[in-house]
Amino acid sequence: MSERISVVIYYDGKVRYTKNGVIFLSENTPRLVFNQNIDLTELCKRIRRKIFGTTPMKVLSIKYQFCASVDPVTSDSFDIKCAHGLEAMVQTHLASGAPYLELYVQFVSLNDTFATAIREEYTTPA
């Protein structure tokens, strides 16, 4: 049986870099639980649905925060861009024994993406 992973999702906020590392800030922090063997496409879909329901949004980026050093406590982050990054995040999280992991997610509206693509298509010189 696959181990379940609890996640706190930060979005629509800020990513701050301090002397003790990275801090995710957000007014809303929904929670999500998923199996450790989830694929990146499914994770993006579940995050999007959790936050926006049926609103046409797309996950633009996912950043994972992890403890880089215990003495003093320092955190770092990395972008999850592919299956290997997702696997590394899951393994790092499971090895840490932390009760949950923290993700900062950026979204883009599918309508904005389509409008930008159309604009670029018709304004680019031939």
C-alpha atoms as a PDB file:
ATOM      1  CA  MET A   1       0.000   0.000   0.000  1.00  0.00           C
ATOM      2  CA  SER A   2       1.241   3.464  -0.897  1.00  0.00           C
ATOM      3  CA  GLU A   3       1.929   5.932   1.885  1.00  0.00           C
ATOM      4  CA  ARG A   4      -0.334   8.991   1.992  1.00  0.00           C
ATOM      5  CA  ILE A   5       1.235  12.457   2.024  1.00  0.00           C
ATOM      6  CA  SER A   6      -0.391  15.533   3.565  1.00  0.00           C
ATOM      7  CA  VAL A   7       0.239  18.847   1.841  1.00  0.00           C
ATOM      8  CA  VAL A   8      -0.291  22.500   2.718  1.00  0.00           C
ATOM      9  CA  ILE A   9      -0.745  24.535  -0.467  1.00  0.00           C
ATOM     10  CA  TYR A  10       0.301  28.178  -0.595  1.00  0.00           C
ATOM     11  CA  TYR A  11      -0.797  30.312  -3.542  1.00  0.00           C
ATOM     12  CA  ASP A  12      -1.632  33.885  -4.460  1.00  0.00           C
ATOM     13  CA  GLY A  13       0.970  35.123  -1.982  1.00  0.00           C
ATOM     14  CA  LYS A  14       4.744  35.473  -1.838  1.00  0.00           C
ATOM     15  CA  VAL A  15       7.902  33.427  -1.644  1.00  0.00           C
ATOM     16  CA  ARG A  16      10.382  35.188   0.649  1.00  0.00           C
ATOM     17  CA  TYR A  17      14.067  34.453   0.931  1.00  0.00           C
ATOM     18  CA  THR A  18      15.567  35.189   4.370  1.00  0.00           C
ATOM     19  CA  LYS A  19      18.812  34.388   6.182  1.00  0.00           C
ATOM     20  CA  ASN A  20      17.093  31.189   7.379  1.00  0.00           C
ATOM     21  CA  GLY A  21      16.025  30.215   3.891  1.00  0.00           C
ATOM     22  CA  VAL A  22      12.744  30.332   2.062  1.00  0.00           C
ATOM     23  CA  ILE A  23       9.318  31.116   3.527  1.00  0.00           C
ATOM     24  CA  PHE A  24       5.999  30.679   1.736  1.00  0.00           C
ATOM     25  CA  LEU A  25       3.332  33.280   2.550  1.00  0.00           C
ATOM     26  CA  SER A  26      -0.349  33.067   1.619  1.00  0.00           C
ATOM     27  CA  GLU A  27      -3.666  34.091   3.126  1.00  0.00           C
ATOM     28  CA  ASN A  28      -5.339  30.849   2.092  1.00  0.00           C
ATOM     29  CA  THR A  29      -3.651  27.522   2.730  1.00  0.00           C
ATOM     30  CA  PRO A  30      -5.855  24.623   1.652  1.00  0.00           C
ATOM     31  CA  ARG A  31      -4.809  21.081   2.535  1.00  0.00           C
ATOM     32  CA  LEU A  32      -4.588  18.064   0.275  1.00  0.00           C
ATOM     33  CA  VAL A  33      -3.694  14.391   0.743  1.00  0.00           C
ATOM     34  CA  PHE A  34      -2.325  12.178  -2.020  1.00  0.00           C
ATOM     35  CA  ASN A  35      -0.595   8.811  -2.492  1.00  0.00           C
ATOM     36  CA  GLN A  36       3.190   8.863  -2.779  1.00  0.00           C
ATOM     37  CA  ASN A  37       3.038   7.281  -6.251  1.00  0.00           C
ATOM     38  CA  ILE A  38       0.938  10.071  -7.830  1.00  0.00           C
ATOM     39  CA  ASP A  39       2.126  11.402 -11.184  1.00  0.00           C
ATOM     40  CA  LEU A  40       2.763  15.098 -11.823  1.00  0.00           C
ATOM     41  CA  THR A  41      -0.217  15.565 -14.146  1.00  0.00           C
ATOM     42  CA  GLU A  42      -2.607  14.102 -11.584  1.00  0.00           C
ATOM     43  CA  LEU A  43      -1.071  16.167  -8.763  1.00  0.00           C
ATOM     44  CA  CYS A  44      -1.526  19.378 -10.776  1.00  0.00           C
ATOM     45  CA  LYS A  45      -5.121  18.426 -11.567  1.00  0.00           C
ATOM     46  CA  ARG A  46      -5.934  17.693  -7.913  1.00  0.00           C
ATOM     47  CA  ILE A  47      -4.339  20.938  -6.707  1.00  0.00           C
ATOM     48  CA  ARG A  48      -6.212  22.980  -9.331  1.00  0.00           C
ATOM     49  CA  ARG A  49      -9.541  21.317  -8.478  1.00  0.00           C
ATOM     50  CA  LYS A  50      -8.971  21.758  -4.741  1.00  0.00           C
ATOM     51  CA  ILE A  51      -8.458  25.513  -5.091  1.00  0.00           C
ATOM     52  CA  PHE A  52     -10.516  26.555  -8.115  1.00  0.00           C
ATOM     53  CA  GLY A  53     -13.058  23.788  -8.665  1.00  0.00           C
ATOM     54  CA  THR A  54     -14.199  24.013 -12.283  1.00  0.00           C
ATOM     55  CA  THR A  55     -12.699  27.445 -13.057  1.00  0.00           C
ATOM     56  CA  PRO A  56     -10.406  27.075 -16.096  1.00  0.00           C
ATOM     57  CA  MET A  57      -6.967  27.522 -14.501  1.00  0.00           C
ATOM     58  CA  LYS A  58      -3.625  25.858 -15.165  1.00  0.00           C
ATOM     59  CA  VAL A  59      -0.767  25.130 -12.755  1.00  0.00           C
ATOM     60  CA  LEU A  60       2.149  27.256 -13.941  1.00  0.00           C
ATOM     61  CA  SER A  61       4.704  26.152 -11.343  1.00  0.00           C
ATOM     62  CA  ILE A  62       5.096  24.188  -8.113  1.00  0.00           C
ATOM     63  CA  LYS A  63       7.809  24.957  -5.598  1.00  0.00           C
ATOM     64  CA  TYR A  64       8.587  22.557  -2.720  1.00  0.00           C
ATOM     65  CA  GLN A  65       9.935  23.776   0.621  1.00  0.00           C
ATOM     66  CA  PHE A  66      12.167  21.467   2.644  1.00  0.00           C
ATOM     67  CA  CYS A  67      14.434  21.627   5.666  1.00  0.00           C
ATOM     68  CA  ALA A  68      18.008  22.052   4.407  1.00  0.00           C
ATOM     69  CA  SER A  69      19.661  22.137   7.831  1.00  0.00           C
ATOM     70  CA  VAL A  70      18.495  21.483  11.375  1.00  0.00           C
ATOM     71  CA  ASP A  71      21.052  23.538  13.335  1.00  0.00           C
ATOM     72  CA  PRO A  72      20.120  26.346  12.806  1.00  0.00           C
ATOM     73  CA  VAL A  73      16.853  25.523  11.102  1.00  0.00           C
ATOM     74  CA  THR A  74      17.233  26.538   7.474  1.00  0.00           C
ATOM     75  CA  SER A  75      14.842  25.803   4.666  1.00  0.00           C
ATOM     76  CA  ASP A  76      15.329  25.723   0.927  1.00  0.00           C
ATOM     77  CA  SER A  77      13.087  25.117  -2.052  1.00  0.00           C
ATOM     78  CA  PHE A  78      13.164  23.654  -5.518  1.00  0.00           C
ATOM     79  CA  ASP A  79      10.828  23.710  -8.498  1.00  0.00           C
ATOM     80  CA  ILE A  80       9.027  20.532  -9.423  1.00  0.00           C
ATOM     81  CA  LYS A  81       9.126  20.412 -13.212  1.00  0.00           C
ATOM     82  CA  CYS A  82       9.145  16.711 -14.061  1.00  0.00           C
ATOM     83  CA  ALA A  83       8.526  13.205 -12.743  1.00  0.00           C
ATOM     84  CA  HIS A  84      12.062  13.002 -11.291  1.00  0.00           C
ATOM     85  CA  GLY A  85      11.526  16.232  -9.342  1.00  0.00           C
ATOM     86  CA  LEU A  86       8.241  14.927  -7.967  1.00  0.00           C
ATOM     87  CA  GLU A  87       9.877  11.640  -6.962  1.00  0.00           C
ATOM     88  CA  ALA A  88      12.745  13.517  -5.257  1.00  0.00           C
ATOM     89  CA  MET A  89      10.216  15.654  -3.359  1.00  0.00           C
ATOM     90  CA  VAL A  90       8.292  12.588  -2.167  1.00  0.00           C
ATOM     91  CA  GLN A  91      11.451  10.727  -1.090  1.00  0.00           C
ATOM     92  CA  THR A  92      12.882  13.793   0.684  1.00  0.00           C
ATOM     93  CA  HIS A  93       9.591  14.324   2.482  1.00  0.00           C
ATOM     94  CA  LEU A  94       9.241  10.684   3.557  1.00  0.00           C
ATOM     95  CA  ALA A  95      12.854  10.602   4.810  1.00  0.00           C
ATOM     96  CA  SER A  96      12.327  13.789   6.830  1.00  0.00           C
ATOM     97  CA  GLY A  97       9.459  12.364   8.882  1.00  0.00           C
ATOM     98  CA  ALA A  98       7.685  15.740   8.718  1.00  0.00           C
ATOM     99  CA  PRO A  99       3.904  15.571   9.249  1.00  0.00           C
ATOM    100  CA  TYR A 100       3.176  17.496   6.021  1.00  0.00           C
ATOM    101  CA  LEU A 101       4.958  19.095   3.105  1.00  0.00           C
ATOM    102  CA  GLU A 102       4.594  22.656   1.863  1.00  0.00           C
ATOM    103  CA  LEU A 103       4.035  23.627  -1.761  1.00  0.00           C
ATOM    104  CA  TYR A 104       3.845  27.074  -3.317  1.00  0.00           C
ATOM    105  CA  VAL A 105       1.784  26.930  -6.506  1.00  0.00           C
ATOM    106  CA  GLN A 106       1.394  29.566  -9.196  1.00  0.00           C
ATOM    107  CA  PHE A 107      -1.565  29.478 -11.557  1.00  0.00           C
ATOM    108  CA  VAL A 108      -2.485  31.047 -14.869  1.00  0.00           C
ATOM    109  CA  SER A 109      -5.958  31.415 -16.307  1.00  0.00           C
ATOM    110  CA  LEU A 110      -6.505  29.300 -19.404  1.00  0.00           C
ATOM    111  CA  ASN A 111      -8.330  32.278 -20.939  1.00  0.00           C
ATOM    112  CA  ASP A 112      -5.234  34.475 -20.394  1.00  0.00           C
ATOM    113  CA  THR A 113      -2.994  31.797 -21.902  1.00  0.00           C
ATOM    114  CA  PHE A 114      -5.201  31.514 -24.983  1.00  0.00           C
ATOM    115  CA  ALA A 115      -5.435  35.325 -25.416  1.00  0.00           C
ATOM    116  CA  THR A 116      -1.638  35.692 -25.118  1.00  0.00           C
ATOM    117  CA  ALA A 117      -1.057  32.948 -27.695  1.00  0.00           C
ATOM    118  CA  ILE A 118      -3.481  34.614 -30.130  1.00  0.00           C
ATOM    119  CA  ARG A 119      -1.871  38.046 -29.575  1.00  0.00           C
ATOM    120  CA  GLU A 120       1.621  36.654 -30.167  1.00  0.00           C
ATOM    121  CA  GLU A 121       0.480  34.803 -33.292  1.00  0.00           C
ATOM    122  CA  TYR A 122      -0.908  37.941 -34.916  1.00  0.00           C
ATOM    123  CA  THR A 123       1.645  40.520 -33.707  1.00  0.00           C
ATOM    124  CA  THR A 124       4.836  38.607 -34.543  1.00  0.00           C
ATOM    125  CA  PRO A 125       6.380  39.806 -37.848  1.00  0.00           C
ATOM    126  CA  ALA A 126       6.408  37.194 -40.604  1.00  0.00           C
END
